[in-house]
Structures are given as structure tokens and as C-alpha cells.
Amino acid sequence: DDEVLVDVAAVRRLASGSVADSWEADFQGMLDFARSKRWLTD
């Protein structure tokens, strides 16, 4: 529709090599928040 479904694996791939080691924990926190708002696919 008027939004985009962005693959989680693609975000990890695009971020690889340009983020700190702690990024994965931060990204997981973002995914958890997205899930709570129903912004993550089932």
C-alpha cells in the first residue's frame, strides 16, 4: 500500500561493516519495539 516492508535481513546486510558491535542489541531493541506496535510482520 503506501508503506514499505523492509526485510530485517537486508537491514543487517546494509549495516554490516559500518556499525559498532553493540548495534545488534540496539537493533533487536528496535525490532522488539516495532513488534509491540505491530510494525513487524507476524
PDB file of all heavy atoms in Angstrom:
ATOM      1  N   ASP A   1       0.855  -1.191   0.000  1.00  0.00           N
ATOM      2  CA  ASP A   1       0.000   0.000   0.000  1.00  0.00           C
ATOM      3  C   ASP A   1       0.892   1.243   0.000  1.00  0.00           C
ATOM      4  O   ASP A   1       1.757   1.350  -0.849  1.00  0.00           O
ATOM      5  CB  ASP A   1      -0.985  -0.017   1.163  1.00  0.00           C
ATOM      6  CG  ASP A   1      -2.032  -1.120   1.016  1.00  0.00           C
ATOM      7  OD1 ASP A   1      -2.435  -1.396  -0.130  1.00  0.00           O
ATOM      8  OD2 ASP A   1      -2.422  -1.694   2.040  1.00  0.00           O
ATOM      9  N   ASP A   2       0.707   2.152   0.962  1.00  0.00           N
ATOM     10  CA  ASP A   2       1.503   3.382   0.995  1.00  0.00           C
ATOM     11  C   ASP A   2       2.755   3.250   1.849  1.00  0.00           C
ATOM     12  O   ASP A   2       3.441   4.243   2.097  1.00  0.00           O
ATOM     13  CB  ASP A   2       0.654   4.541   1.516  1.00  0.00           C
ATOM     14  CG  ASP A   2      -0.428   4.935   0.527  1.00  0.00           C
ATOM     15  OD1 ASP A   2      -0.230   4.729  -0.695  1.00  0.00           O
ATOM     16  OD2 ASP A   2      -1.477   5.432   0.965  1.00  0.00           O
ATOM     17  N   GLU A   3       3.053   2.048   2.307  1.00  0.00           N
ATOM     18  CA  GLU A   3       4.224   1.814   3.147  1.00  0.00           C
ATOM     19  C   GLU A   3       5.153   0.819   2.455  1.00  0.00           C
ATOM     20  O   GLU A   3       4.886   0.376   1.352  1.00  0.00           O
ATOM     21  CB  GLU A   3       3.783   1.278   4.514  1.00  0.00           C
ATOM     22  CG  GLU A   3       2.911   2.273   5.260  1.00  0.00           C
ATOM     23  CD  GLU A   3       2.351   1.715   6.540  1.00  0.00           C
ATOM     24  OE1 GLU A   3       1.810   0.596   6.519  1.00  0.00           O
ATOM     25  OE2 GLU A   3       2.432   2.424   7.545  1.00  0.00           O
ATOM     26  N   VAL A   4       6.243   0.509   3.141  1.00  0.00           N
ATOM     27  CA  VAL A   4       7.209  -0.453   2.621  1.00  0.00           C
ATOM     28  C   VAL A   4       7.461  -1.502   3.685  1.00  0.00           C
ATOM     29  O   VAL A   4       7.537  -1.190   4.877  1.00  0.00           O
ATOM     30  CB  VAL A   4       8.537   0.251   2.247  1.00  0.00           C
ATOM     31  CG1 VAL A   4       9.645  -0.754   1.978  1.00  0.00           C
ATOM     32  CG2 VAL A   4       8.345   1.147   1.033  1.00  0.00           C
ATOM     33  N   LEU A   5       7.573  -2.746   3.263  1.00  0.00           N
ATOM     34  CA  LEU A   5       8.017  -3.821   4.134  1.00  0.00           C
ATOM     35  C   LEU A   5       9.492  -4.039   3.834  1.00  0.00           C
ATOM     36  O   LEU A   5       9.854  -4.470   2.730  1.00  0.00           O
ATOM     37  CB  LEU A   5       7.220  -5.097   3.888  1.00  0.00           C
ATOM     38  CG  LEU A   5       5.755  -5.040   4.286  1.00  0.00           C
ATOM     39  CD1 LEU A   5       5.042  -6.326   3.885  1.00  0.00           C
ATOM     40  CD2 LEU A   5       5.609  -4.799   5.782  1.00  0.00           C
ATOM     41  N   VAL A   6      10.345  -3.696   4.809  1.00  0.00           N
ATOM     42  CA  VAL A   6      11.792  -3.799   4.659  1.00  0.00           C
ATOM     43  C   VAL A   6      12.254  -5.085   5.332  1.00  0.00           C
ATOM     44  O   VAL A   6      11.957  -5.311   6.509  1.00  0.00           O
ATOM     45  CB  VAL A   6      12.510  -2.584   5.288  1.00  0.00           C
ATOM     46  CG1 VAL A   6      14.014  -2.727   5.147  1.00  0.00           C
ATOM     47  CG2 VAL A   6      12.029  -1.288   4.650  1.00  0.00           C
ATOM     48  N   ASP A   7      12.980  -5.911   4.598  1.00  0.00           N
ATOM     49  CA  ASP A   7      13.477  -7.172   5.140  1.00  0.00           C
ATOM     50  C   ASP A   7      14.482  -6.918   6.257  1.00  0.00           C
ATOM     51  O   ASP A   7      15.449  -6.160   6.071  1.00  0.00           O
ATOM     52  CB  ASP A   7      14.140  -8.005   4.053  1.00  0.00           C
ATOM     53  CG  ASP A   7      13.180  -8.442   2.957  1.00  0.00           C
ATOM     54  OD1 ASP A   7      11.959  -8.445   3.208  1.00  0.00           O
ATOM     55  OD2 ASP A   7      13.656  -8.771   1.864  1.00  0.00           O
ATOM     56  N   VAL A   8      14.264  -7.567   7.397  1.00  0.00           N
ATOM     57  CA  VAL A   8      15.167  -7.443   8.542  1.00  0.00           C
ATOM     58  C   VAL A   8      16.579  -7.874   8.139  1.00  0.00           C
ATOM     59  O   VAL A   8      17.563  -7.213   8.483  1.00  0.00           O
ATOM     60  CB  VAL A   8      14.643  -8.264   9.741  1.00  0.00           C
ATOM     61  CG1 VAL A   8      15.668  -8.337  10.855  1.00  0.00           C
ATOM     62  CG2 VAL A   8      13.325  -7.684  10.248  1.00  0.00           C
ATOM     63  N   ALA A   9      16.677  -8.954   7.382  1.00  0.00           N
ATOM     64  CA  ALA A   9      17.992  -9.442   6.944  1.00  0.00           C
ATOM     65  C   ALA A   9      18.696  -8.413   6.058  1.00  0.00           C
ATOM     66  O   ALA A   9      19.928  -8.268   6.122  1.00  0.00           O
ATOM     67  CB  ALA A   9      17.839 -10.765   6.206  1.00  0.00           C
ATOM     68  N   ALA A  10      17.940  -7.681   5.257  1.00  0.00           N
ATOM     69  CA  ALA A  10      18.541  -6.659   4.396  1.00  0.00           C
ATOM     70  C   ALA A  10      19.095  -5.510   5.223  1.00  0.00           C
ATOM     71  O   ALA A  10      20.159  -4.970   4.906  1.00  0.00           O
ATOM     72  CB  ALA A  10      17.510  -6.144   3.393  1.00  0.00           C
ATOM     73  N   VAL A  11      18.397  -5.130   6.286  1.00  0.00           N
ATOM     74  CA  VAL A  11      18.906  -4.066   7.159  1.00  0.00           C
ATOM     75  C   VAL A  11      20.236  -4.508   7.762  1.00  0.00           C
ATOM     76  O   VAL A  11      21.213  -3.745   7.773  1.00  0.00           O
ATOM     77  CB  VAL A  11      17.895  -3.711   8.265  1.00  0.00           C
ATOM     78  CG1 VAL A  11      18.496  -2.700   9.241  1.00  0.00           C
ATOM     79  CG2 VAL A  11      16.610  -3.171   7.664  1.00  0.00           C
ATOM     80  N   ARG A  12      20.292  -5.737   8.246  1.00  0.00           N
ATOM     81  CA  ARG A  12      21.553  -6.253   8.811  1.00  0.00           C
ATOM     82  C   ARG A  12      22.656  -6.244   7.753  1.00  0.00           C
ATOM     83  O   ARG A  12      23.786  -5.867   8.027  1.00  0.00           O
ATOM     84  CB  ARG A  12      21.349  -7.657   9.364  1.00  0.00           C
ATOM     85  CG  ARG A  12      20.583  -7.672  10.661  1.00  0.00           C
ATOM     86  CD  ARG A  12      20.567  -9.072  11.290  1.00  0.00           C
ATOM     87  NE  ARG A  12      20.008  -9.008  12.626  1.00  0.00           N
ATOM     88  CZ  ARG A  12      18.815  -9.458  12.964  1.00  0.00           C
ATOM     89  NH1 ARG A  12      18.029 -10.016  12.052  1.00  0.00           N
ATOM     90  NH2 ARG A  12      18.400  -9.360  14.212  1.00  0.00           N
ATOM     91  N   ARG A  13      22.323  -6.667   6.550  1.00  0.00           N
ATOM     92  CA  ARG A  13      23.311  -6.703   5.461  1.00  0.00           C
ATOM     93  C   ARG A  13      23.814  -5.303   5.124  1.00  0.00           C
ATOM     94  O   ARG A  13      25.024  -5.078   4.995  1.00  0.00           O
ATOM     95  CB  ARG A  13      22.679  -7.354   4.226  1.00  0.00           C
ATOM     96  CG  ARG A  13      23.648  -7.530   3.067  1.00  0.00           C
ATOM     97  CD  ARG A  13      22.985  -8.121   1.829  1.00  0.00           C
ATOM     98  NE  ARG A  13      22.191  -7.105   1.144  1.00  0.00           N
ATOM     99  CZ  ARG A  13      20.879  -7.147   0.975  1.00  0.00           C
ATOM    100  NH1 ARG A  13      20.170  -8.143   1.424  1.00  0.00           N
ATOM    101  NH2 ARG A  13      20.248  -6.182   0.328  1.00  0.00           N
ATOM    102  N   LEU A  14      22.895  -4.350   5.020  1.00  0.00           N
ATOM    103  CA  LEU A  14      23.283  -2.981   4.667  1.00  0.00           C
ATOM    104  C   LEU A  14      24.068  -2.297   5.776  1.00  0.00           C
ATOM    105  O   LEU A  14      24.916  -1.446   5.507  1.00  0.00           O
ATOM    106  CB  LEU A  14      22.040  -2.158   4.315  1.00  0.00           C
ATOM    107  CG  LEU A  14      21.315  -2.559   3.032  1.00  0.00           C
ATOM    108  CD1 LEU A  14      19.981  -1.840   2.933  1.00  0.00           C
ATOM    109  CD2 LEU A  14      22.177  -2.294   1.812  1.00  0.00           C
ATOM    110  N   ALA A  15      23.808  -2.662   7.022  1.00  0.00           N
ATOM    111  CA  ALA A  15      24.512  -2.050   8.157  1.00  0.00           C
ATOM    112  C   ALA A  15      25.872  -2.675   8.408  1.00  0.00           C
ATOM    113  O   ALA A  15      26.748  -2.047   9.021  1.00  0.00           O
ATOM    114  CB  ALA A  15      23.658  -2.165   9.420  1.00  0.00           C
ATOM    115  N   SER A  16      26.065  -3.879   7.937  1.00  0.00           N
ATOM    116  CA  SER A  16      27.295  -4.623   8.200  1.00  0.00           C
ATOM    117  C   SER A  16      28.537  -3.828   7.813  1.00  0.00           C
ATOM    118  O   SER A  16      28.616  -3.246   6.735  1.00  0.00           O
ATOM    119  CB  SER A  16      27.266  -5.940   7.417  1.00  0.00           C
ATOM    120  OG  SER A  16      28.445  -6.663   7.636  1.00  0.00           O
ATOM    121  N   GLY A  17      29.489  -3.795   8.742  1.00  0.00           N
ATOM    122  CA  GLY A  17      30.747  -3.103   8.492  1.00  0.00           C
ATOM    123  C   GLY A  17      30.730  -1.618   8.799  1.00  0.00           C
ATOM    124  O   GLY A  17      31.773  -0.976   8.754  1.00  0.00           O
ATOM    125  N   SER A  18      29.563  -1.072   9.115  1.00  0.00           N
ATOM    126  CA  SER A  18      29.507   0.368   9.383  1.00  0.00           C
ATOM    127  C   SER A  18      28.908   0.688  10.746  1.00  0.00           C
ATOM    128  O   SER A  18      28.622   1.850  11.025  1.00  0.00           O
ATOM    129  CB  SER A  18      28.717   1.084   8.278  1.00  0.00           C
ATOM    130  OG  SER A  18      27.382   0.633   8.253  1.00  0.00           O
ATOM    131  N   VAL A  19      28.722  -0.338  11.580  1.00  0.00           N
ATOM    132  CA  VAL A  19      28.150  -0.125  12.906  1.00  0.00           C
ATOM    133  C   VAL A  19      29.017  -0.829  13.955  1.00  0.00           C
ATOM    134  O   VAL A  19      29.766  -1.750  13.636  1.00  0.00           O
ATOM    135  CB  VAL A  19      26.693  -0.639  12.991  1.00  0.00           C
ATOM    136  CG1 VAL A  19      25.774   0.220  12.149  1.00  0.00           C
ATOM    137  CG2 VAL A  19      26.590  -2.092  12.571  1.00  0.00           C
ATOM    138  N   ALA A  20      28.873  -0.387  15.191  1.00  0.00           N
ATOM    139  CA  ALA A  20      29.639  -0.966  16.298  1.00  0.00           C
ATOM    140  C   ALA A  20      29.103  -2.349  16.659  1.00  0.00           C
ATOM    141  O   ALA A  20      27.990  -2.722  16.278  1.00  0.00           O
ATOM    142  CB  ALA A  20      29.557  -0.044  17.515  1.00  0.00           C
ATOM    143  N   ASP A  21      29.899  -3.076  17.422  1.00  0.00           N
ATOM    144  CA  ASP A  21      29.492  -4.417  17.855  1.00  0.00           C
ATOM    145  C   ASP A  21      28.200  -4.394  18.662  1.00  0.00           C
ATOM    146  O   ASP A  21      27.435  -5.363  18.637  1.00  0.00           O
ATOM    147  CB  ASP A  21      30.597  -5.065  18.688  1.00  0.00           C
ATOM    148  CG  ASP A  21      31.832  -5.389  17.845  1.00  0.00           C
ATOM    149  OD1 ASP A  21      31.709  -5.477  16.606  1.00  0.00           O
ATOM    150  OD2 ASP A  21      32.912  -5.554  18.438  1.00  0.00           O
ATOM    151  N   SER A  22      27.936  -3.310  19.356  1.00  0.00           N
ATOM    152  CA  SER A  22      26.726  -3.204  20.185  1.00  0.00           C
ATOM    153  C   SER A  22      25.464  -2.969  19.353  1.00  0.00           C
ATOM    154  O   SER A  22      24.352  -3.013  19.874  1.00  0.00           O
ATOM    155  CB  SER A  22      26.882  -2.074  21.204  1.00  0.00           C
ATOM    156  OG  SER A  22      27.038  -0.839  20.525  1.00  0.00           O
ATOM    157  N   TRP A  23      25.628  -2.749  18.069  1.00  0.00           N
ATOM    158  CA  TRP A  23      24.493  -2.421  17.205  1.00  0.00           C
ATOM    159  C   TRP A  23      23.434  -3.510  17.209  1.00  0.00           C
ATOM    160  O   TRP A  23      22.240  -3.211  17.229  1.00  0.00           O
ATOM    161  CB  TRP A  23      24.966  -2.168  15.773  1.00  0.00           C
ATOM    162  CG  TRP A  23      23.855  -1.837  14.832  1.00  0.00           C
ATOM    163  CD1 TRP A  23      23.290  -0.623  14.631  1.00  0.00           C
ATOM    164  CD2 TRP A  23      23.147  -2.746  13.967  1.00  0.00           C
ATOM    165  NE1 TRP A  23      22.288  -0.705  13.685  1.00  0.00           N
ATOM    166  CE2 TRP A  23      22.190  -2.004  13.270  1.00  0.00           C
ATOM    167  CE3 TRP A  23      23.255  -4.108  13.713  1.00  0.00           C
ATOM    168  CZ2 TRP A  23      21.335  -2.570  12.329  1.00  0.00           C
ATOM    169  CZ3 TRP A  23      22.394  -4.683  12.783  1.00  0.00           C
ATOM    170  CH2 TRP A  23      21.447  -3.917  12.102  1.00  0.00           C
ATOM    171  N   GLU A  24      23.838  -4.761  17.192  1.00  0.00           N
ATOM    172  CA  GLU A  24      22.861  -5.847  17.112  1.00  0.00           C
ATOM    173  C   GLU A  24      21.880  -5.790  18.278  1.00  0.00           C
ATOM    174  O   GLU A  24      20.679  -5.988  18.091  1.00  0.00           O
ATOM    175  CB  GLU A  24      23.555  -7.213  17.069  1.00  0.00           C
ATOM    176  CG  GLU A  24      22.595  -8.380  16.884  1.00  0.00           C
ATOM    177  CD  GLU A  24      21.765  -8.333  15.602  1.00  0.00           C
ATOM    178  OE1 GLU A  24      22.285  -7.977  14.531  1.00  0.00           O
ATOM    179  OE2 GLU A  24      20.557  -8.664  15.686  1.00  0.00           O
ATOM    180  N   ALA A  25      22.380  -5.490  19.483  1.00  0.00           N
ATOM    181  CA  ALA A  25      21.480  -5.371  20.647  1.00  0.00           C
ATOM    182  C   ALA A  25      20.542  -4.179  20.469  1.00  0.00           C
ATOM    183  O   ALA A  25      19.347  -4.274  20.788  1.00  0.00           O
ATOM    184  CB  ALA A  25      22.284  -5.236  21.931  1.00  0.00           C
ATOM    185  N   ASP A  26      21.058  -3.076  19.968  1.00  0.00           N
ATOM    186  CA  ASP A  26      20.225  -1.896  19.722  1.00  0.00           C
ATOM    187  C   ASP A  26      19.170  -2.191  18.656  1.00  0.00           C
ATOM    188  O   ASP A  26      18.001  -1.803  18.785  1.00  0.00           O
ATOM    189  CB  ASP A  26      21.077  -0.708  19.285  1.00  0.00           C
ATOM    190  CG  ASP A  26      22.016  -0.219  20.368  1.00  0.00           C
ATOM    191  OD1 ASP A  26      21.777  -0.510  21.552  1.00  0.00           O
ATOM    192  OD2 ASP A  26      23.015   0.449  20.010  1.00  0.00           O
ATOM    193  N   PHE A  27      19.586  -2.877  17.611  1.00  0.00           N
ATOM    194  CA  PHE A  27      18.662  -3.219  16.526  1.00  0.00           C
ATOM    195  C   PHE A  27      17.585  -4.170  17.041  1.00  0.00           C
ATOM    196  O   PHE A  27      16.408  -4.014  16.711  1.00  0.00           O
ATOM    197  CB  PHE A  27      19.428  -3.824  15.352  1.00  0.00           C
ATOM    198  CG  PHE A  27      18.583  -4.117  14.153  1.00  0.00           C
ATOM    199  CD1 PHE A  27      17.827  -3.122  13.548  1.00  0.00           C
ATOM    200  CD2 PHE A  27      18.548  -5.385  13.612  1.00  0.00           C
ATOM    201  CE1 PHE A  27      17.039  -3.381  12.434  1.00  0.00           C
ATOM    202  CE2 PHE A  27      17.771  -5.667  12.493  1.00  0.00           C
ATOM    203  CZ  PHE A  27      17.021  -4.667  11.902  1.00  0.00           C
ATOM    204  N   GLN A  28      17.964  -5.124  17.864  1.00  0.00           N
ATOM    205  CA  GLN A  28      16.979  -6.045  18.430  1.00  0.00           C
ATOM    206  C   GLN A  28      15.965  -5.286  19.290  1.00  0.00           C
ATOM    207  O   GLN A  28      14.780  -5.580  19.267  1.00  0.00           O
ATOM    208  CB  GLN A  28      17.648  -7.146  19.252  1.00  0.00           C
ATOM    209  CG  GLN A  28      16.669  -8.208  19.727  1.00  0.00           C
ATOM    210  CD  GLN A  28      15.936  -8.889  18.573  1.00  0.00           C
ATOM    211  OE1 GLN A  28      16.553  -9.383  17.631  1.00  0.00           O
ATOM    212  NE2 GLN A  28      14.611  -8.911  18.635  1.00  0.00           N
ATOM    213  N   GLY A  29      16.440  -4.284  20.029  1.00  0.00           N
ATOM    214  CA  GLY A  29      15.527  -3.442  20.801  1.00  0.00           C
ATOM    215  C   GLY A  29      14.546  -2.722  19.896  1.00  0.00           C
ATOM    216  O   GLY A  29      13.355  -2.601  20.219  1.00  0.00           O
ATOM    217  N   MET A  30      15.034  -2.247  18.743  1.00  0.00           N
ATOM    218  CA  MET A  30      14.162  -1.586  17.784  1.00  0.00           C
ATOM    219  C   MET A  30      13.121  -2.572  17.248  1.00  0.00           C
ATOM    220  O   MET A  30      11.937  -2.242  17.121  1.00  0.00           O
ATOM    221  CB  MET A  30      14.976  -1.008  16.625  1.00  0.00           C
ATOM    222  CG  MET A  30      14.152  -0.194  15.648  1.00  0.00           C
ATOM    223  SD  MET A  30      15.090   0.319  14.215  1.00  0.00           S
ATOM    224  CE  MET A  30      14.543  -0.934  13.066  1.00  0.00           C
ATOM    225  N   LEU A  31      13.550  -3.796  16.954  1.00  0.00           N
ATOM    226  CA  LEU A  31      12.629  -4.813  16.455  1.00  0.00           C
ATOM    227  C   LEU A  31      11.580  -5.165  17.507  1.00  0.00           C
ATOM    228  O   LEU A  31      10.395  -5.341  17.181  1.00  0.00           O
ATOM    229  CB  LEU A  31      13.387  -6.068  16.024  1.00  0.00           C
ATOM    230  CG  LEU A  31      14.301  -5.911  14.808  1.00  0.00           C
ATOM    231  CD1 LEU A  31      15.082  -7.205  14.581  1.00  0.00           C
ATOM    232  CD2 LEU A  31      13.534  -5.503  13.582  1.00  0.00           C
ATOM    233  N   ASP A  32      11.997  -5.255  18.762  1.00  0.00           N
ATOM    234  CA  ASP A  32      11.046  -5.544  19.841  1.00  0.00           C
ATOM    235  C   ASP A  32      10.003  -4.437  19.951  1.00  0.00           C
ATOM    236  O   ASP A  32       8.808  -4.703  20.112  1.00  0.00           O
ATOM    237  CB  ASP A  32      11.777  -5.723  21.174  1.00  0.00           C
ATOM    238  CG  ASP A  32      12.640  -6.975  21.207  1.00  0.00           C
ATOM    239  OD1 ASP A  32      12.453  -7.881  20.365  1.00  0.00           O
ATOM    240  OD2 ASP A  32      13.543  -7.036  22.077  1.00  0.00           O
ATOM    241  N   PHE A  33      10.460  -3.180  19.852  1.00  0.00           N
ATOM    242  CA  PHE A  33       9.527  -2.055  19.884  1.00  0.00           C
ATOM    243  C   PHE A  33       8.583  -2.112  18.681  1.00  0.00           C
ATOM    244  O   PHE A  33       7.365  -1.921  18.819  1.00  0.00           O
ATOM    245  CB  PHE A  33      10.292  -0.731  19.920  1.00  0.00           C
ATOM    246  CG  PHE A  33       9.395   0.466  19.957  1.00  0.00           C
ATOM    247  CD1 PHE A  33       8.750   0.826  21.129  1.00  0.00           C
ATOM    248  CD2 PHE A  33       9.189   1.250  18.825  1.00  0.00           C
ATOM    249  CE1 PHE A  33       7.906   1.933  21.170  1.00  0.00           C
ATOM    250  CE2 PHE A  33       8.352   2.352  18.853  1.00  0.00           C
ATOM    251  CZ  PHE A  33       7.711   2.694  20.039  1.00  0.00           C
ATOM    252  N   ALA A  34       9.137  -2.390  17.500  1.00  0.00           N
ATOM    253  CA  ALA A  34       8.313  -2.488  16.291  1.00  0.00           C
ATOM    254  C   ALA A  34       7.265  -3.588  16.440  1.00  0.00           C
ATOM    255  O   ALA A  34       6.110  -3.414  16.034  1.00  0.00           O
ATOM    256  CB  ALA A  34       9.198  -2.748  15.075  1.00  0.00           C
ATOM    257  N   ARG A  35       7.643  -4.691  17.041  1.00  0.00           N
ATOM    258  CA  ARG A  35       6.687  -5.781  17.253  1.00  0.00           C
ATOM    259  C   ARG A  35       5.552  -5.316  18.178  1.00  0.00           C
ATOM    260  O   ARG A  35       4.386  -5.602  17.916  1.00  0.00           O
ATOM    261  CB  ARG A  35       7.391  -6.998  17.861  1.00  0.00           C
ATOM    262  CG  ARG A  35       6.439  -8.174  18.089  1.00  0.00           C
ATOM    263  CD  ARG A  35       7.156  -9.423  18.562  1.00  0.00           C
ATOM    264  NE  ARG A  35       7.776 -10.079  17.405  1.00  0.00           N
ATOM    265  CZ  ARG A  35       9.096 -10.201  17.233  1.00  0.00           C
ATOM    266  NH1 ARG A  35       9.935  -9.760  18.135  1.00  0.00           N
ATOM    267  NH2 ARG A  35       9.568 -10.793  16.160  1.00  0.00           N
ATOM    268  N   SER A  36       5.883  -4.569  19.223  1.00  0.00           N
ATOM    269  CA  SER A  36       4.865  -4.103  20.166  1.00  0.00           C
ATOM    270  C   SER A  36       3.879  -3.143  19.505  1.00  0.00           C
ATOM    271  O   SER A  36       2.738  -3.021  19.947  1.00  0.00           O
ATOM    272  CB  SER A  36       5.514  -3.435  21.384  1.00  0.00           C
ATOM    273  OG  SER A  36       5.989  -2.134  21.085  1.00  0.00           O
ATOM    274  N   LYS A  37       4.304  -2.461  18.459  1.00  0.00           N
ATOM    275  CA  LYS A  37       3.442  -1.525  17.727  1.00  0.00           C
ATOM    276  C   LYS A  37       2.801  -2.161  16.491  1.00  0.00           C
ATOM    277  O   LYS A  37       2.119  -1.484  15.739  1.00  0.00           O
ATOM    278  CB  LYS A  37       4.258  -0.300  17.288  1.00  0.00           C
ATOM    279  CG  LYS A  37       4.826   0.498  18.442  1.00  0.00           C
ATOM    280  CD  LYS A  37       3.720   1.103  19.248  1.00  0.00           C
ATOM    281  CE  LYS A  37       4.288   2.009  20.326  1.00  0.00           C
ATOM    282  NZ  LYS A  37       3.238   2.596  21.144  1.00  0.00           N
ATOM    283  N   ARG A  38       3.078  -3.457  16.288  1.00  0.00           N
ATOM    284  CA  ARG A  38       2.588  -4.202  15.126  1.00  0.00           C
ATOM    285  C   ARG A  38       3.175  -3.685  13.814  1.00  0.00           C
ATOM    286  O   ARG A  38       2.537  -3.735  12.762  1.00  0.00           O
ATOM    287  CB  ARG A  38       1.063  -4.244  15.092  1.00  0.00           C
ATOM    288  CG  ARG A  38       0.486  -4.843  16.383  1.00  0.00           C
ATOM    289  CD  ARG A  38      -0.963  -5.183  16.328  1.00  0.00           C
ATOM    290  NE  ARG A  38      -1.381  -6.025  15.232  1.00  0.00           N
ATOM    291  CZ  ARG A  38      -1.317  -7.366  15.216  1.00  0.00           C
ATOM    292  NH1 ARG A  38      -0.819  -8.003  16.222  1.00  0.00           N
ATOM    293  NH2 ARG A  38      -1.754  -8.035  14.161  1.00  0.00           N
ATOM    294  N   TRP A  39       4.410  -3.159  13.890  1.00  0.00           N
ATOM    295  CA  TRP A  39       5.130  -2.703  12.705  1.00  0.00           C
ATOM    296  C   TRP A  39       6.051  -3.786  12.168  1.00  0.00           C
ATOM    297  O   TRP A  39       6.736  -3.573  11.164  1.00  0.00           O
ATOM    298  CB  TRP A  39       5.948  -1.455  13.004  1.00  0.00           C
ATOM    299  CG  TRP A  39       5.140  -0.278  13.429  1.00  0.00           C
ATOM    300  CD1 TRP A  39       3.835  -0.001  13.117  1.00  0.00           C
ATOM    301  CD2 TRP A  39       5.574   0.791  14.262  1.00  0.00           C
ATOM    302  NE1 TRP A  39       3.449   1.183  13.717  1.00  0.00           N
ATOM    303  CE2 TRP A  39       4.491   1.692  14.417  1.00  0.00           C
ATOM    304  CE3 TRP A  39       6.768   1.089  14.889  1.00  0.00           C
ATOM    305  CZ2 TRP A  39       4.579   2.846  15.167  1.00  0.00           C
ATOM    306  CZ3 TRP A  39       6.860   2.247  15.639  1.00  0.00           C
ATOM    307  CH2 TRP A  39       5.769   3.121  15.774  1.00  0.00           C
ATOM    308  N   LEU A  40       6.087  -4.929  12.830  1.00  0.00           N
ATOM    309  CA  LEU A  40       6.882  -6.066  12.392  1.00  0.00           C
ATOM    310  C   LEU A  40       5.903  -7.121  11.885  1.00  0.00           C
ATOM    311  O   LEU A  40       4.848  -7.339  12.497  1.00  0.00           O
ATOM    312  CB  LEU A  40       7.686  -6.605  13.579  1.00  0.00           C
ATOM    313  CG  LEU A  40       8.881  -7.504  13.294  1.00  0.00           C
ATOM    314  CD1 LEU A  40       9.940  -6.758  12.490  1.00  0.00           C
ATOM    315  CD2 LEU A  40       9.481  -8.011  14.597  1.00  0.00           C
ATOM    316  N   THR A  41       6.225  -7.745  10.761  1.00  0.00           N
ATOM    317  CA  THR A  41       5.337  -8.785  10.254  1.00  0.00           C
ATOM    318  C   THR A  41       5.236  -9.917  11.270  1.00  0.00           C
ATOM    319  O   THR A  41       6.118 -10.084  12.118  1.00  0.00           O
ATOM    320  CB  THR A  41       5.834  -9.326   8.900  1.00  0.00           C
ATOM    321  OG1 THR A  41       7.168  -9.796   9.041  1.00  0.00           O
ATOM    322  CG2 THR A  41       5.754  -8.256   7.809  1.00  0.00           C
ATOM    323  N   ASP A  42       4.176 -10.693  11.189  1.00  0.00           N
ATOM    324  CA  ASP A  42       3.945 -11.778  12.147  1.00  0.00           C
ATOM    325  C   ASP A  42       5.113 -12.752  12.218  1.00  0.00           C
ATOM    326  O   ASP A  42       5.415 -13.279  13.281  1.00  0.00           O
ATOM    327  CB  ASP A  42       2.659 -12.536  11.812  1.00  0.00           C
ATOM    328  CG  ASP A  42       1.413 -11.700  12.070  1.00  0.00           C
ATOM    329  OD1 ASP A  42       1.485 -10.712  12.841  1.00  0.00           O
ATOM    330  OD2 ASP A  42       0.359 -12.027  11.494  1.00  0.00           O
TER     331      ASP A  42
END
